[in-house]
Amino acid sequence: MTPATLDPLQKRGIAVFGADLWASDWNPMTPAQQLKLLTERLQIARKGIILLHDPKAQTAAMLPAFLRYLRDNRYRVVHLAAGRRRQNPCPTRHIRSRSL
């Protein structure tokens, strides 16, 4: 991202952030294969924003097991909500958390 790209979005109050981990759910695979891939990536990264595509049936089928994995391994799922605009907003913001 460049300031020329981010400035117009920022002026409209649009938050820009990236993903740290991809589920690669655009590739055909079973929910079990997707869960294995995603949990292996998370074990390496240990935290981050995870990109999932909700219209994918395999992702929807995998999600309950993945949420159990997150809970069982003491991760937190956080909600990104619109907030008040700051005087000098940061152009990008990553939410990363893991409870220990």
PDB file of N, CA and C in Angstrom:
ATOM      1  N   MET A   1       0.825  -1.190   0.000  1.00  0.00           N
ATOM      2  CA  MET A   1       0.000   0.000   0.000  1.00  0.00           C
ATOM      3  C   MET A   1       0.866   1.249   0.000  1.00  0.00           C
ATOM      4  N   THR A   2       0.393   2.233  -0.688  1.00  0.00           N
ATOM      5  CA  THR A   2       1.104   3.505  -0.737  1.00  0.00           C
ATOM      6  C   THR A   2       0.208   4.592  -0.149  1.00  0.00           C
ATOM      7  N   PRO A   3       0.769   5.730   0.246  1.00  0.00           N
ATOM      8  CA  PRO A   3      -0.061   6.833   0.735  1.00  0.00           C
ATOM      9  C   PRO A   3      -1.123   7.249  -0.287  1.00  0.00           C
ATOM     10  N   ALA A   4      -0.789   7.189  -1.568  1.00  0.00           N
ATOM     11  CA  ALA A   4      -1.769   7.554  -2.602  1.00  0.00           C
ATOM     12  C   ALA A   4      -2.960   6.606  -2.597  1.00  0.00           C
ATOM     13  N   THR A   5      -2.743   5.377  -2.225  1.00  0.00           N
ATOM     14  CA  THR A   5      -3.836   4.403  -2.134  1.00  0.00           C
ATOM     15  C   THR A   5      -4.571   4.537  -0.802  1.00  0.00           C
ATOM     16  N   LEU A   6      -3.825   4.706   0.274  1.00  0.00           N
ATOM     17  CA  LEU A   6      -4.418   4.709   1.608  1.00  0.00           C
ATOM     18  C   LEU A   6      -5.143   6.009   1.956  1.00  0.00           C
ATOM     19  N   ASP A   7      -4.638   7.132   1.526  1.00  0.00           N
ATOM     20  CA  ASP A   7      -5.228   8.427   1.907  1.00  0.00           C
ATOM     21  C   ASP A   7      -6.711   8.538   1.558  1.00  0.00           C
ATOM     22  N   PRO A   8      -7.136   8.225   0.328  1.00  0.00           N
ATOM     23  CA  PRO A   8      -8.573   8.326   0.027  1.00  0.00           C
ATOM     24  C   PRO A   8      -9.429   7.382   0.869  1.00  0.00           C
ATOM     25  N   LEU A   9      -8.903   6.204   1.154  1.00  0.00           N
ATOM     26  CA  LEU A   9      -9.650   5.264   1.998  1.00  0.00           C
ATOM     27  C   LEU A   9      -9.756   5.789   3.420  1.00  0.00           C
ATOM     28  N   GLN A  10      -8.668   6.314   3.919  1.00  0.00           N
ATOM     29  CA  GLN A  10      -8.637   6.865   5.266  1.00  0.00           C
ATOM     30  C   GLN A  10      -9.621   8.016   5.411  1.00  0.00           C
ATOM     31  N   LYS A  11      -9.686   8.870   4.415  1.00  0.00           N
ATOM     32  CA  LYS A  11     -10.610  10.008   4.451  1.00  0.00           C
ATOM     33  C   LYS A  11     -12.066   9.562   4.484  1.00  0.00           C
ATOM     34  N   ARG A  12     -12.330   8.378   3.957  1.00  0.00           N
ATOM     35  CA  ARG A  12     -13.695   7.828   3.976  1.00  0.00           C
ATOM     36  C   ARG A  12     -13.951   6.966   5.202  1.00  0.00           C
ATOM     37  N   GLY A  13     -12.962   6.870   6.081  1.00  0.00           N
ATOM     38  CA  GLY A  13     -13.131   6.091   7.307  1.00  0.00           C
ATOM     39  C   GLY A  13     -13.042   4.594   7.091  1.00  0.00           C
ATOM     40  N   ILE A  14     -12.388   4.173   6.024  1.00  0.00           N
ATOM     41  CA  ILE A  14     -12.250   2.751   5.719  1.00  0.00           C
ATOM     42  C   ILE A  14     -10.933   2.241   6.305  1.00  0.00           C
ATOM     43  N   ALA A  15     -11.037   1.245   7.165  1.00  0.00           N
ATOM     44  CA  ALA A  15      -9.846   0.645   7.773  1.00  0.00           C
ATOM     45  C   ALA A  15      -9.208  -0.318   6.784  1.00  0.00           C
ATOM     46  N   VAL A  16      -7.913  -0.296   6.733  1.00  0.00           N
ATOM     47  CA  VAL A  16      -7.160  -1.190   5.858  1.00  0.00           C
ATOM     48  C   VAL A  16      -6.253  -2.050   6.729  1.00  0.00           C
ATOM     49  N   PHE A  17      -6.324  -3.339   6.536  1.00  0.00           N
ATOM     50  CA  PHE A  17      -5.446  -4.241   7.266  1.00  0.00           C
ATOM     51  C   PHE A  17      -5.200  -5.461   6.407  1.00  0.00           C
ATOM     52  N   GLY A  18      -4.176  -6.186   6.723  1.00  0.00           N
ATOM     53  CA  GLY A  18      -3.817  -7.363   5.941  1.00  0.00           C
ATOM     54  C   GLY A  18      -4.017  -8.638   6.724  1.00  0.00           C
ATOM     55  N   ALA A  19      -3.874  -9.740   6.032  1.00  0.00           N
ATOM     56  CA  ALA A  19      -3.966 -11.054   6.654  1.00  0.00           C
ATOM     57  C   ALA A  19      -2.569 -11.598   6.888  1.00  0.00           C
ATOM     58  N   ASP A  20      -2.381 -12.252   8.007  1.00  0.00           N
ATOM     59  CA  ASP A  20      -1.108 -12.880   8.328  1.00  0.00           C
ATOM     60  C   ASP A  20      -1.075 -14.342   7.889  1.00  0.00           C
ATOM     61  N   LEU A  21      -2.229 -14.987   7.909  1.00  0.00           N
ATOM     62  CA  LEU A  21      -2.345 -16.401   7.556  1.00  0.00           C
ATOM     63  C   LEU A  21      -3.490 -16.589   6.578  1.00  0.00           C
ATOM     64  N   TRP A  22      -3.281 -17.412   5.589  1.00  0.00           N
ATOM     65  CA  TRP A  22      -4.338 -17.748   4.632  1.00  0.00           C
ATOM     66  C   TRP A  22      -4.761 -19.186   4.839  1.00  0.00           C
ATOM     67  N   ALA A  23      -6.046 -19.416   4.708  1.00  0.00           N
ATOM     68  CA  ALA A  23      -6.556 -20.774   4.782  1.00  0.00           C
ATOM     69  C   ALA A  23      -6.417 -21.484   3.435  1.00  0.00           C
ATOM     70  N   SER A  24      -6.052 -20.724   2.400  1.00  0.00           N
ATOM     71  CA  SER A  24      -5.935 -21.264   1.032  1.00  0.00           C
ATOM     72  C   SER A  24      -7.213 -21.977   0.613  1.00  0.00           C
ATOM     73  N   ASP A  25      -8.345 -21.461   1.078  1.00  0.00           N
ATOM     74  CA  ASP A  25      -9.610 -22.131   0.814  1.00  0.00           C
ATOM     75  C   ASP A  25     -10.145 -21.912  -0.595  1.00  0.00           C
ATOM     76  N   TRP A  26      -9.398 -21.231  -1.428  1.00  0.00           N
ATOM     77  CA  TRP A  26      -9.765 -21.149  -2.838  1.00  0.00           C
ATOM     78  C   TRP A  26      -9.338 -22.421  -3.564  1.00  0.00           C
ATOM     79  N   ASN A  27      -8.475 -23.218  -2.920  1.00  0.00           N
ATOM     80  CA  ASN A  27      -8.062 -24.503  -3.485  1.00  0.00           C
ATOM     81  C   ASN A  27      -9.015 -25.592  -3.015  1.00  0.00           C
ATOM     82  N   PRO A  28      -9.420 -26.488  -3.910  1.00  0.00           N
ATOM     83  CA  PRO A  28     -10.293 -27.589  -3.485  1.00  0.00           C
ATOM     84  C   PRO A  28      -9.568 -28.507  -2.496  1.00  0.00           C
ATOM     85  N   MET A  29     -10.209 -28.752  -1.377  1.00  0.00           N
ATOM     86  CA  MET A  29      -9.689 -29.682  -0.375  1.00  0.00           C
ATOM     87  C   MET A  29     -10.833 -30.033   0.569  1.00  0.00           C
ATOM     88  N   THR A  30     -10.653 -31.071   1.328  1.00  0.00           N
ATOM     89  CA  THR A  30     -11.679 -31.444   2.293  1.00  0.00           C
ATOM     90  C   THR A  30     -11.586 -30.516   3.502  1.00  0.00           C
ATOM     91  N   PRO A  31     -12.647 -30.423   4.287  1.00  0.00           N
ATOM     92  CA  PRO A  31     -12.559 -29.632   5.520  1.00  0.00           C
ATOM     93  C   PRO A  31     -11.435 -30.116   6.436  1.00  0.00           C
ATOM     94  N   ALA A  32     -11.219 -31.424   6.510  1.00  0.00           N
ATOM     95  CA  ALA A  32     -10.141 -31.959   7.359  1.00  0.00           C
ATOM     96  C   ALA A  32      -8.771 -31.520   6.845  1.00  0.00           C
ATOM     97  N   GLN A  33      -8.577 -31.522   5.539  1.00  0.00           N
ATOM     98  CA  GLN A  33      -7.308 -31.064   4.973  1.00  0.00           C
ATOM     99  C   GLN A  33      -7.098 -29.574   5.243  1.00  0.00           C
ATOM    100  N   GLN A  34      -8.178 -28.812   5.116  1.00  0.00           N
ATOM    101  CA  GLN A  34      -8.078 -27.377   5.362  1.00  0.00           C
ATOM    102  C   GLN A  34      -7.760 -27.102   6.821  1.00  0.00           C
ATOM    103  N   LEU A  35      -8.397 -27.814   7.735  1.00  0.00           N
ATOM    104  CA  LEU A  35      -8.124 -27.651   9.162  1.00  0.00           C
ATOM    105  C   LEU A  35      -6.670 -27.971   9.465  1.00  0.00           C
ATOM    106  N   LYS A  36      -6.150 -29.039   8.913  1.00  0.00           N
ATOM    107  CA  LYS A  36      -4.755 -29.420   9.133  1.00  0.00           C
ATOM    108  C   LYS A  36      -3.813 -28.338   8.607  1.00  0.00           C
ATOM    109  N   LEU A  37      -4.053 -27.853   7.415  1.00  0.00           N
ATOM    110  CA  LEU A  37      -3.217 -26.815   6.827  1.00  0.00           C
ATOM    111  C   LEU A  37      -3.227 -25.549   7.679  1.00  0.00           C
ATOM    112  N   LEU A  38      -4.411 -25.137   8.081  1.00  0.00           N
ATOM    113  CA  LEU A  38      -4.545 -23.893   8.832  1.00  0.00           C
ATOM    114  C   LEU A  38      -3.947 -24.002  10.234  1.00  0.00           C
ATOM    115  N   THR A  39      -4.183 -25.109  10.916  1.00  0.00           N
ATOM    116  CA  THR A  39      -3.614 -25.255  12.262  1.00  0.00           C
ATOM    117  C   THR A  39      -2.093 -25.381  12.211  1.00  0.00           C
ATOM    118  N   GLU A  40      -1.560 -26.014  11.177  1.00  0.00           N
ATOM    119  CA  GLU A  40      -0.101 -26.076  11.039  1.00  0.00           C
ATOM    120  C   GLU A  40       0.483 -24.687  10.825  1.00  0.00           C
ATOM    121  N   ARG A  41      -0.169 -23.887   9.998  1.00  0.00           N
ATOM    122  CA  ARG A  41       0.306 -22.521   9.774  1.00  0.00           C
ATOM    123  C   ARG A  41       0.223 -21.685  11.047  1.00  0.00           C
ATOM    124  N   LEU A  42      -0.840 -21.877  11.799  1.00  0.00           N
ATOM    125  CA  LEU A  42      -1.009 -21.127  13.035  1.00  0.00           C
ATOM    126  C   LEU A  42       0.008 -21.561  14.089  1.00  0.00           C
ATOM    127  N   GLN A  43       0.348 -22.838  14.134  1.00  0.00           N
ATOM    128  CA  GLN A  43       1.360 -23.308  15.081  1.00  0.00           C
ATOM    129  C   GLN A  43       2.713 -22.655  14.823  1.00  0.00           C
ATOM    130  N   ILE A  44       3.000 -22.366  13.578  1.00  0.00           N
ATOM    131  CA  ILE A  44       4.257 -21.696  13.227  1.00  0.00           C
ATOM    132  C   ILE A  44       4.184 -20.208  13.561  1.00  0.00           C
ATOM    133  N   ALA A  45       3.098 -19.548  13.127  1.00  0.00           N
ATOM    134  CA  ALA A  45       2.971 -18.095  13.318  1.00  0.00           C
ATOM    135  C   ALA A  45       2.631 -17.731  14.760  1.00  0.00           C
ATOM    136  N   ARG A  46       1.840 -18.558  15.433  1.00  0.00           N
ATOM    137  CA  ARG A  46       1.420 -18.381  16.831  1.00  0.00           C
ATOM    138  C   ARG A  46       0.397 -17.284  17.055  1.00  0.00           C
ATOM    139  N   LYS A  47       0.144 -16.427  16.062  1.00  0.00           N
ATOM    140  CA  LYS A  47      -0.862 -15.376  16.202  1.00  0.00           C
ATOM    141  C   LYS A  47      -1.078 -14.741  14.839  1.00  0.00           C
ATOM    142  N   GLY A  48      -2.138 -13.961  14.719  1.00  0.00           N
ATOM    143  CA  GLY A  48      -2.314 -13.199  13.490  1.00  0.00           C
ATOM    144  C   GLY A  48      -3.745 -13.116  13.013  1.00  0.00           C
ATOM    145  N   ILE A  49      -3.909 -12.369  11.951  1.00  0.00           N
ATOM    146  CA  ILE A  49      -5.199 -12.244  11.279  1.00  0.00           C
ATOM    147  C   ILE A  49      -5.272 -13.351  10.242  1.00  0.00           C
ATOM    148  N   ILE A  50      -6.361 -14.110  10.269  1.00  0.00           N
ATOM    149  CA  ILE A  50      -6.525 -15.265   9.393  1.00  0.00           C
ATOM    150  C   ILE A  50      -7.582 -14.952   8.345  1.00  0.00           C
ATOM    151  N   LEU A  51      -7.241 -15.184   7.088  1.00  0.00           N
ATOM    152  CA  LEU A  51      -8.164 -14.937   5.988  1.00  0.00           C
ATOM    153  C   LEU A  51      -8.940 -16.200   5.672  1.00  0.00           C
ATOM    154  N   LEU A  52     -10.268 -16.116   5.831  1.00  0.00           N
ATOM    155  CA  LEU A  52     -11.188 -17.200   5.472  1.00  0.00           C
ATOM    156  C   LEU A  52     -12.229 -16.626   4.512  1.00  0.00           C
ATOM    157  N   HIS A  53     -12.679 -17.428   3.570  1.00  0.00           N
ATOM    158  CA  HIS A  53     -13.699 -17.000   2.622  1.00  0.00           C
ATOM    159  C   HIS A  53     -15.017 -17.672   3.005  1.00  0.00           C
ATOM    160  N   ASP A  54     -15.963 -16.884   3.493  1.00  0.00           N
ATOM    161  CA  ASP A  54     -17.200 -17.457   4.029  1.00  0.00           C
ATOM    162  C   ASP A  54     -18.106 -18.139   3.013  1.00  0.00           C
ATOM    163  N   PRO A  55     -18.073 -17.829   1.716  1.00  0.00           N
ATOM    164  CA  PRO A  55     -18.967 -18.564   0.820  1.00  0.00           C
ATOM    165  C   PRO A  55     -18.462 -19.967   0.461  1.00  0.00           C
ATOM    166  N   LYS A  56     -17.296 -20.349   0.944  1.00  0.00           N
ATOM    167  CA  LYS A  56     -16.748 -21.663   0.619  1.00  0.00           C
ATOM    168  C   LYS A  56     -17.335 -22.721   1.553  1.00  0.00           C
ATOM    169  N   ALA A  57     -17.956 -23.750   0.979  1.00  0.00           N
ATOM    170  CA  ALA A  57     -18.583 -24.808   1.783  1.00  0.00           C
ATOM    171  C   ALA A  57     -17.554 -25.523   2.645  1.00  0.00           C
ATOM    172  N   GLN A  58     -16.372 -25.760   2.111  1.00  0.00           N
ATOM    173  CA  GLN A  58     -15.347 -26.473   2.891  1.00  0.00           C
ATOM    174  C   GLN A  58     -14.920 -25.656   4.098  1.00  0.00           C
ATOM    175  N   THR A  59     -14.896 -24.327   3.951  1.00  0.00           N
ATOM    176  CA  THR A  59     -14.520 -23.462   5.066  1.00  0.00           C
ATOM    177  C   THR A  59     -15.613 -23.473   6.130  1.00  0.00           C
ATOM    178  N   ALA A  60     -16.860 -23.378   5.692  1.00  0.00           N
ATOM    179  CA  ALA A  60     -17.975 -23.422   6.641  1.00  0.00           C
ATOM    180  C   ALA A  60     -17.997 -24.747   7.399  1.00  0.00           C
ATOM    181  N   ALA A  61     -17.698 -25.829   6.718  1.00  0.00           N
ATOM    182  CA  ALA A  61     -17.696 -27.146   7.367  1.00  0.00           C
ATOM    183  C   ALA A  61     -16.527 -27.292   8.338  1.00  0.00           C
ATOM    184  N   MET A  62     -15.397 -26.636   8.037  1.00  0.00           N
ATOM    185  CA  MET A  62     -14.204 -26.723   8.864  1.00  0.00           C
ATOM    186  C   MET A  62     -14.281 -25.812  10.084  1.00  0.00           C
ATOM    187  N   LEU A  63     -15.047 -24.751  10.002  1.00  0.00           N
ATOM    188  CA  LEU A  63     -15.022 -23.696  11.011  1.00  0.00           C
ATOM    189  C   LEU A  63     -15.327 -24.160  12.443  1.00  0.00           C
ATOM    190  N   PRO A  64     -16.339 -24.992  12.708  1.00  0.00           N
ATOM    191  CA  PRO A  64     -16.560 -25.419  14.103  1.00  0.00           C
ATOM    192  C   PRO A  64     -15.341 -26.112  14.721  1.00  0.00           C
ATOM    193  N   ALA A  65     -14.676 -26.967  13.962  1.00  0.00           N
ATOM    194  CA  ALA A  65     -13.484 -27.651  14.480  1.00  0.00           C
ATOM    195  C   ALA A  65     -12.348 -26.657  14.687  1.00  0.00           C
ATOM    196  N   PHE A  66     -12.223 -25.673  13.808  1.00  0.00           N
ATOM    197  CA  PHE A  66     -11.168 -24.681  13.958  1.00  0.00           C
ATOM    198  C   PHE A  66     -11.417 -23.807  15.185  1.00  0.00           C
ATOM    199  N   LEU A  67     -12.664 -23.416  15.412  1.00  0.00           N
ATOM    200  CA  LEU A  67     -12.982 -22.627  16.600  1.00  0.00           C
ATOM    201  C   LEU A  67     -12.712 -23.419  17.876  1.00  0.00           C
ATOM    202  N   ARG A  68     -12.996 -24.720  17.874  1.00  0.00           N
ATOM    203  CA  ARG A  68     -12.648 -25.565  19.024  1.00  0.00           C
ATOM    204  C   ARG A  68     -11.138 -25.608  19.221  1.00  0.00           C
ATOM    205  N   TYR A  69     -10.393 -25.736  18.134  1.00  0.00           N
ATOM    206  CA  TYR A  69      -8.930 -25.728  18.210  1.00  0.00           C
ATOM    207  C   TYR A  69      -8.434 -24.431  18.841  1.00  0.00           C
ATOM    208  N   LEU A  70      -8.985 -23.308  18.399  1.00  0.00           N
ATOM    209  CA  LEU A  70      -8.576 -22.020  18.961  1.00  0.00           C
ATOM    210  C   LEU A  70      -8.869 -21.958  20.455  1.00  0.00           C
ATOM    211  N   ARG A  71     -10.059 -22.370  20.843  1.00  0.00           N
ATOM    212  CA  ARG A  71     -10.433 -22.360  22.266  1.00  0.00           C
ATOM    213  C   ARG A  71      -9.534 -23.290  23.073  1.00  0.00           C
ATOM    214  N   ASP A  72      -9.339 -24.498  22.576  1.00  0.00           N
ATOM    215  CA  ASP A  72      -8.538 -25.491  23.306  1.00  0.00           C
ATOM    216  C   ASP A  72      -7.075 -25.077  23.441  1.00  0.00           C
ATOM    217  N   ASN A  73      -6.612 -24.228  22.540  1.00  0.00           N
ATOM    218  CA  ASN A  73      -5.224 -23.779  22.570  1.00  0.00           C
ATOM    219  C   ASN A  73      -5.090 -22.342  23.067  1.00  0.00           C
ATOM    220  N   ARG A  74      -6.153 -21.869  23.712  1.00  0.00           N
ATOM    221  CA  ARG A  74      -6.171 -20.578  24.410  1.00  0.00           C
ATOM    222  C   ARG A  74      -5.951 -19.367  23.504  1.00  0.00           C
ATOM    223  N   TYR A  75      -6.411 -19.444  22.266  1.00  0.00           N
ATOM    224  CA  TYR A  75      -6.411 -18.273  21.400  1.00  0.00           C
ATOM    225  C   TYR A  75      -7.682 -17.485  21.653  1.00  0.00           C
ATOM    226  N   ARG A  76      -7.675 -16.229  21.287  1.00  0.00           N
ATOM    227  CA  ARG A  76      -8.875 -15.398  21.378  1.00  0.00           C
ATOM    228  C   ARG A  76      -9.291 -14.980  19.978  1.00  0.00           C
ATOM    229  N   VAL A  77     -10.580 -14.995  19.735  1.00  0.00           N
ATOM    230  CA  VAL A  77     -11.143 -14.446  18.507  1.00  0.00           C
ATOM    231  C   VAL A  77     -11.609 -13.044  18.857  1.00  0.00           C
ATOM    232  N   VAL A  78     -11.153 -12.068  18.097  1.00  0.00           N
ATOM    233  CA  VAL A  78     -11.539 -10.691  18.378  1.00  0.00           C
ATOM    234  C   VAL A  78     -12.407 -10.163  17.247  1.00  0.00           C
ATOM    235  N   HIS A  79     -13.267  -9.246  17.601  1.00  0.00           N
ATOM    236  CA  HIS A  79     -14.196  -8.639  16.662  1.00  0.00           C
ATOM    237  C   HIS A  79     -13.655  -7.281  16.246  1.00  0.00           C
ATOM    238  N   LEU A  80     -13.590  -7.049  14.958  1.00  0.00           N
ATOM    239  CA  LEU A  80     -13.161  -5.762  14.442  1.00  0.00           C
ATOM    240  C   LEU A  80     -14.406  -4.929  14.201  1.00  0.00           C
ATOM    241  N   ALA A  81     -14.524  -3.823  14.913  1.00  0.00           N
ATOM    242  CA  ALA A  81     -15.712  -2.978  14.802  1.00  0.00           C
ATOM    243  C   ALA A  81     -15.300  -1.563  14.429  1.00  0.00           C
ATOM    244  N   ALA A  82     -16.196  -0.902  13.743  1.00  0.00           N
ATOM    245  CA  ALA A  82     -15.944   0.497  13.387  1.00  0.00           C
ATOM    246  C   ALA A  82     -15.888   1.327  14.661  1.00  0.00           C
ATOM    247  N   GLY A  83     -14.981   2.248  14.693  1.00  0.00           N
ATOM    248  CA  GLY A  83     -14.835   3.112  15.857  1.00  0.00           C
ATOM    249  C   GLY A  83     -14.827   4.562  15.434  1.00  0.00           C
ATOM    250  N   ARG A  84     -14.618   5.404  16.397  1.00  0.00           N
ATOM    251  CA  ARG A  84     -14.518   6.830  16.087  1.00  0.00           C
ATOM    252  C   ARG A  84     -13.230   7.104  15.344  1.00  0.00           C
ATOM    253  N   ARG A  85     -13.274   8.070  14.461  1.00  0.00           N
ATOM    254  CA  ARG A  85     -12.065   8.460  13.744  1.00  0.00           C
ATOM    255  C   ARG A  85     -11.165   9.256  14.668  1.00  0.00           C
ATOM    256  N   ARG A  86      -9.880   9.011  14.571  1.00  0.00           N
ATOM    257  CA  ARG A  86      -8.895   9.738  15.360  1.00  0.00           C
ATOM    258  C   ARG A  86      -8.420  10.957  14.575  1.00  0.00           C
ATOM    259  N   GLN A  87      -7.842  11.888  15.303  1.00  0.00           N
ATOM    260  CA  GLN A  87      -7.283  13.081  14.672  1.00  0.00           C
ATOM    261  C   GLN A  87      -6.213  12.695  13.654  1.00  0.00           C
ATOM    262  N   ASN A  88      -5.291  11.822  14.044  1.00  0.00           N
ATOM    263  CA  ASN A  88      -4.210  11.359  13.172  1.00  0.00           C
ATOM    264  C   ASN A  88      -4.262   9.834  13.097  1.00  0.00           C
ATOM    265  N   PRO A  89      -5.213   9.283  12.349  1.00  0.00           N
ATOM    266  CA  PRO A  89      -5.348   7.822  12.337  1.00  0.00           C
ATOM    267  C   PRO A  89      -4.151   7.141  11.679  1.00  0.00           C
ATOM    268  N   CYS A  90      -3.851   5.973  12.176  1.00  0.00           N
ATOM    269  CA  CYS A  90      -2.789   5.150  11.613  1.00  0.00           C
ATOM    270  C   CYS A  90      -3.312   4.528  10.321  1.00  0.00           C
ATOM    271  N   PRO A  91      -2.566   4.546   9.204  1.00  0.00           N
ATOM    272  CA  PRO A  91      -3.097   4.045   7.939  1.00  0.00           C
ATOM    273  C   PRO A  91      -3.345   2.543   7.914  1.00  0.00           C
ATOM    274  N   THR A  92      -2.620   1.781   8.675  1.00  0.00           N
ATOM    275  CA  THR A  92      -2.881   0.345   8.743  1.00  0.00           C
ATOM    276  C   THR A  92      -2.849  -0.082  10.195  1.00  0.00           C
ATOM    277  N   ARG A  93      -3.637  -1.068  10.491  1.00  0.00           N
ATOM    278  CA  ARG A  93      -3.704  -1.551  11.859  1.00  0.00           C
ATOM    279  C   ARG A  93      -3.903  -3.063  11.812  1.00  0.00           C
ATOM    280  N   HIS A  94      -3.084  -3.777  12.528  1.00  0.00           N
ATOM    281  CA  HIS A  94      -3.193  -5.227  12.620  1.00  0.00           C
ATOM    282  C   HIS A  94      -3.662  -5.579  14.018  1.00  0.00           C
ATOM    283  N   ILE A  95      -4.631  -6.444  14.114  1.00  0.00           N
ATOM    284  CA  ILE A  95      -5.082  -6.940  15.405  1.00  0.00           C
ATOM    285  C   ILE A  95      -4.498  -8.314  15.578  1.00  0.00           C
ATOM    286  N   ARG A  96      -3.659  -8.471  16.561  1.00  0.00           N
ATOM    287  CA  ARG A  96      -3.048  -9.752  16.833  1.00  0.00           C
ATOM    288  C   ARG A  96      -3.147 -10.000  18.320  1.00  0.00           C
ATOM    289  N   SER A  97      -3.683 -11.120  18.663  1.00  0.00           N
ATOM    290  CA  SER A  97      -3.747 -11.391  20.090  1.00  0.00           C
ATOM    291  C   SER A  97      -3.720 -12.882  20.337  1.00  0.00           C
ATOM    292  N   ARG A  98      -3.163 -13.215  21.455  1.00  0.00           N
ATOM    293  CA  ARG A  98      -3.193 -14.577  21.955  1.00  0.00           C
ATOM    294  C   ARG A  98      -3.102 -14.490  23.451  1.00  0.00           C
ATOM    295  N   SER A  99      -4.057 -15.065  24.115  1.00  0.00           N
ATOM    296  CA  SER A  99      -4.027 -15.097  25.572  1.00  0.00           C
ATOM    297  C   SER A  99      -3.106 -16.205  26.027  1.00  0.00           C
ATOM    298  N   LEU A 100      -2.347 -15.934  27.027  1.00  0.00           N
ATOM    299  CA  LEU A 100      -1.455 -16.960  27.572  1.00  0.00           C
ATOM    300  C   LEU A 100      -1.923 -17.397  28.933  1.00  0.00           C
TER     301      LEU A 100
END
